[in-house]
Amino acid sequence: MIPVARRRTVRGRILDDRLVTVEDLHAELWLDDAETIALYRHAWETFAEAAVYGTDAQQVIARVRRSIRA
């Protein structure tokens, strides 16, 4: 567990290939150069490929819960 006070979140979105907005704990960044947009697009695509949903996600959560209890 990570104490709430130590959690850091990063949220972002790519807006029509001209702008990436990224929010973190203390600021919102608006990034508009092509190289940075490509970097963030690659990162989000990598996250999407690694993500699991529905039953698969439930199985991952159950496996982690079992490992914590062991």
N, C-alpha and C. Protein backbone atom coordinates (compact mmCIF):
# COMPACT_ATOMS: atom_id res chain seq x y z
N MET A 1 0.83 -1.18 0.00
CA MET A 1 0.00 0.00 0.00
C MET A 1 0.88 1.25 0.00
N ILE A 2 0.44 2.25 -0.68
CA ILE A 2 1.13 3.54 -0.68
C ILE A 2 0.25 4.52 0.07
N PRO A 3 0.79 5.13 1.14
CA PRO A 3 -0.02 6.11 1.87
C PRO A 3 -0.55 7.19 0.93
N VAL A 4 -1.76 7.64 1.20
CA VAL A 4 -2.41 8.64 0.33
C VAL A 4 -1.52 9.85 0.13
N ALA A 5 -0.86 10.30 1.16
CA ALA A 5 -0.02 11.49 1.06
C ALA A 5 1.15 11.29 0.10
N ARG A 6 1.53 10.05 -0.17
CA ARG A 6 2.67 9.79 -1.05
C ARG A 6 2.29 9.38 -2.46
N ARG A 7 1.02 9.20 -2.71
CA ARG A 7 0.58 8.81 -4.05
C ARG A 7 0.79 9.97 -5.01
N ARG A 8 1.26 9.63 -6.19
CA ARG A 8 1.38 10.62 -7.25
C ARG A 8 0.57 10.11 -8.43
N THR A 9 -0.21 10.94 -8.99
CA THR A 9 -0.99 10.52 -10.15
C THR A 9 -0.59 11.36 -11.35
N VAL A 10 -0.65 10.75 -12.49
CA VAL A 10 -0.40 11.47 -13.73
C VAL A 10 -1.54 11.11 -14.67
N ARG A 11 -2.19 12.12 -15.17
CA ARG A 11 -3.26 11.92 -16.14
C ARG A 11 -2.91 12.74 -17.37
N GLY A 12 -3.32 12.24 -18.50
CA GLY A 12 -3.04 13.01 -19.70
C GLY A 12 -3.94 12.59 -20.85
N ARG A 13 -3.87 13.37 -21.90
CA ARG A 13 -4.64 13.03 -23.10
C ARG A 13 -3.97 13.70 -24.30
N ILE A 14 -4.19 13.08 -25.44
CA ILE A 14 -3.68 13.62 -26.70
C ILE A 14 -4.87 14.19 -27.45
N LEU A 15 -4.78 15.44 -27.78
CA LEU A 15 -5.88 16.13 -28.46
C LEU A 15 -5.51 16.35 -29.93
N ASP A 16 -6.18 15.70 -30.81
CA ASP A 16 -6.06 15.77 -32.27
C ASP A 16 -4.64 15.99 -32.81
N ASP A 17 -3.69 15.23 -32.30
CA ASP A 17 -2.29 15.19 -32.80
C ASP A 17 -1.57 16.53 -32.77
N ARG A 18 -2.14 17.53 -32.10
CA ARG A 18 -1.47 18.82 -32.01
C ARG A 18 -1.14 19.23 -30.58
N LEU A 19 -1.71 18.52 -29.61
CA LEU A 19 -1.53 18.94 -28.22
C LEU A 19 -1.66 17.75 -27.29
N VAL A 20 -0.73 17.67 -26.34
CA VAL A 20 -0.82 16.70 -25.25
C VAL A 20 -0.98 17.51 -23.97
N THR A 21 -1.95 17.15 -23.15
CA THR A 21 -2.05 17.76 -21.83
C THR A 21 -1.75 16.69 -20.81
N VAL A 22 -0.94 17.04 -19.83
CA VAL A 22 -0.54 16.12 -18.78
C VAL A 22 -0.72 16.83 -17.45
N GLU A 23 -1.42 16.18 -16.53
CA GLU A 23 -1.60 16.72 -15.19
C GLU A 23 -0.83 15.85 -14.22
N ASP A 24 -0.11 16.48 -13.31
CA ASP A 24 0.49 15.72 -12.22
C ASP A 24 0.09 16.38 -10.90
N LEU A 25 0.80 16.11 -9.87
CA LEU A 25 0.42 16.56 -8.54
C LEU A 25 0.33 18.08 -8.43
N HIS A 26 1.17 18.80 -9.16
CA HIS A 26 1.25 20.24 -8.94
C HIS A 26 1.02 21.11 -10.16
N ALA A 27 0.84 20.52 -11.34
CA ALA A 27 0.73 21.37 -12.53
C ALA A 27 0.04 20.64 -13.67
N GLU A 28 -0.47 21.42 -14.61
CA GLU A 28 -0.97 20.88 -15.87
C GLU A 28 -0.05 21.40 -16.96
N LEU A 29 0.48 20.48 -17.75
CA LEU A 29 1.39 20.85 -18.84
C LEU A 29 0.66 20.75 -20.17
N TRP A 30 0.87 21.70 -21.01
CA TRP A 30 0.35 21.68 -22.37
C TRP A 30 1.56 21.56 -23.29
N LEU A 31 1.67 20.45 -23.99
CA LEU A 31 2.85 20.16 -24.80
C LEU A 31 2.43 20.07 -26.26
N ASP A 32 3.13 20.82 -27.12
CA ASP A 32 2.66 20.88 -28.50
C ASP A 32 3.73 20.63 -29.56
N ASP A 33 4.95 20.21 -29.16
CA ASP A 33 5.93 19.94 -30.21
C ASP A 33 5.78 18.48 -30.66
N ALA A 34 6.03 18.24 -31.93
CA ALA A 34 5.76 16.95 -32.56
C ALA A 34 6.51 15.81 -31.88
N GLU A 35 7.75 16.02 -31.49
CA GLU A 35 8.54 14.96 -30.85
C GLU A 35 7.93 14.53 -29.51
N THR A 36 7.49 15.49 -28.73
CA THR A 36 6.88 15.18 -27.43
C THR A 36 5.54 14.47 -27.62
N ILE A 37 4.75 14.93 -28.58
CA ILE A 37 3.47 14.28 -28.86
C ILE A 37 3.70 12.83 -29.26
N ALA A 38 4.70 12.57 -30.10
CA ALA A 38 5.02 11.21 -30.51
C ALA A 38 5.45 10.36 -29.32
N LEU A 39 6.22 10.94 -28.41
CA LEU A 39 6.64 10.23 -27.21
C LEU A 39 5.45 9.82 -26.35
N TYR A 40 4.54 10.75 -26.12
CA TYR A 40 3.36 10.44 -25.32
C TYR A 40 2.43 9.47 -26.04
N ARG A 41 2.28 9.60 -27.35
CA ARG A 41 1.44 8.65 -28.10
C ARG A 41 2.00 7.24 -27.94
N HIS A 42 3.31 7.09 -28.06
CA HIS A 42 3.94 5.78 -27.89
C HIS A 42 3.70 5.24 -26.48
N ALA A 43 3.84 6.10 -25.47
CA ALA A 43 3.63 5.67 -24.09
C ALA A 43 2.19 5.21 -23.89
N TRP A 44 1.20 5.98 -24.35
CA TRP A 44 -0.20 5.61 -24.15
C TRP A 44 -0.53 4.33 -24.91
N GLU A 45 0.03 4.16 -26.11
CA GLU A 45 -0.21 2.93 -26.87
C GLU A 45 0.38 1.72 -26.15
N THR A 46 1.56 1.90 -25.54
CA THR A 46 2.19 0.83 -24.78
C THR A 46 1.33 0.46 -23.57
N PHE A 47 0.82 1.47 -22.86
CA PHE A 47 -0.08 1.20 -21.73
C PHE A 47 -1.33 0.45 -22.20
N ALA A 48 -1.91 0.88 -23.31
CA ALA A 48 -3.13 0.25 -23.81
C ALA A 48 -2.89 -1.22 -24.18
N GLU A 49 -1.72 -1.51 -24.77
CA GLU A 49 -1.40 -2.89 -25.13
C GLU A 49 -1.22 -3.76 -23.89
N ALA A 50 -0.72 -3.19 -22.81
CA ALA A 50 -0.47 -3.95 -21.58
C ALA A 50 -1.71 -4.07 -20.70
N ALA A 51 -2.69 -3.25 -20.93
CA ALA A 51 -3.88 -3.21 -20.06
C ALA A 51 -4.73 -4.47 -20.23
N VAL A 52 -5.39 -4.84 -19.15
CA VAL A 52 -6.37 -5.92 -19.20
C VAL A 52 -7.69 -5.39 -18.68
N TYR A 53 -8.77 -5.96 -19.16
CA TYR A 53 -10.10 -5.47 -18.83
C TYR A 53 -11.01 -6.63 -18.46
N GLY A 54 -12.13 -6.31 -17.84
CA GLY A 54 -13.17 -7.29 -17.57
C GLY A 54 -12.66 -8.48 -16.75
N THR A 55 -12.98 -9.69 -17.23
CA THR A 55 -12.63 -10.91 -16.53
C THR A 55 -11.13 -11.04 -16.36
N ASP A 56 -10.37 -10.67 -17.38
CA ASP A 56 -8.91 -10.74 -17.27
C ASP A 56 -8.39 -9.84 -16.14
N ALA A 57 -8.93 -8.65 -16.04
CA ALA A 57 -8.53 -7.74 -14.97
C ALA A 57 -8.90 -8.31 -13.61
N GLN A 58 -10.08 -8.89 -13.51
CA GLN A 58 -10.51 -9.49 -12.24
C GLN A 58 -9.57 -10.63 -11.84
N GLN A 59 -9.11 -11.40 -12.80
CA GLN A 59 -8.18 -12.49 -12.51
C GLN A 59 -6.84 -11.95 -12.01
N VAL A 60 -6.36 -10.88 -12.61
CA VAL A 60 -5.10 -10.27 -12.15
C VAL A 60 -5.26 -9.79 -10.71
N ILE A 61 -6.34 -9.10 -10.42
CA ILE A 61 -6.58 -8.58 -9.07
C ILE A 61 -6.67 -9.73 -8.07
N ALA A 62 -7.39 -10.79 -8.43
CA ALA A 62 -7.52 -11.94 -7.53
C ALA A 62 -6.17 -12.58 -7.27
N ARG A 63 -5.34 -12.71 -8.30
CA ARG A 63 -4.00 -13.30 -8.14
C ARG A 63 -3.15 -12.46 -7.20
N VAL A 64 -3.20 -11.15 -7.34
CA VAL A 64 -2.44 -10.26 -6.47
C VAL A 64 -2.94 -10.37 -5.03
N ARG A 65 -4.25 -10.38 -4.86
CA ARG A 65 -4.82 -10.52 -3.50
C ARG A 65 -4.37 -11.81 -2.84
N ARG A 66 -4.37 -12.90 -3.61
CA ARG A 66 -3.92 -14.19 -3.05
C ARG A 66 -2.45 -14.12 -2.65
N SER A 67 -1.63 -13.47 -3.47
CA SER A 67 -0.20 -13.40 -3.17
C SER A 67 0.06 -12.54 -1.93
N ILE A 68 -0.78 -11.56 -1.69
CA ILE A 68 -0.61 -10.70 -0.51
C ILE A 68 -0.97 -11.49 0.75
N ARG A 69 -1.97 -12.31 0.66
CA ARG A 69 -2.43 -13.10 1.81
C ARG A 69 -1.45 -14.22 2.17
N ALA A 70 -0.68 -14.68 1.20
CA ALA A 70 0.21 -15.83 1.43
C ALA A 70 1.37 -15.49 2.34
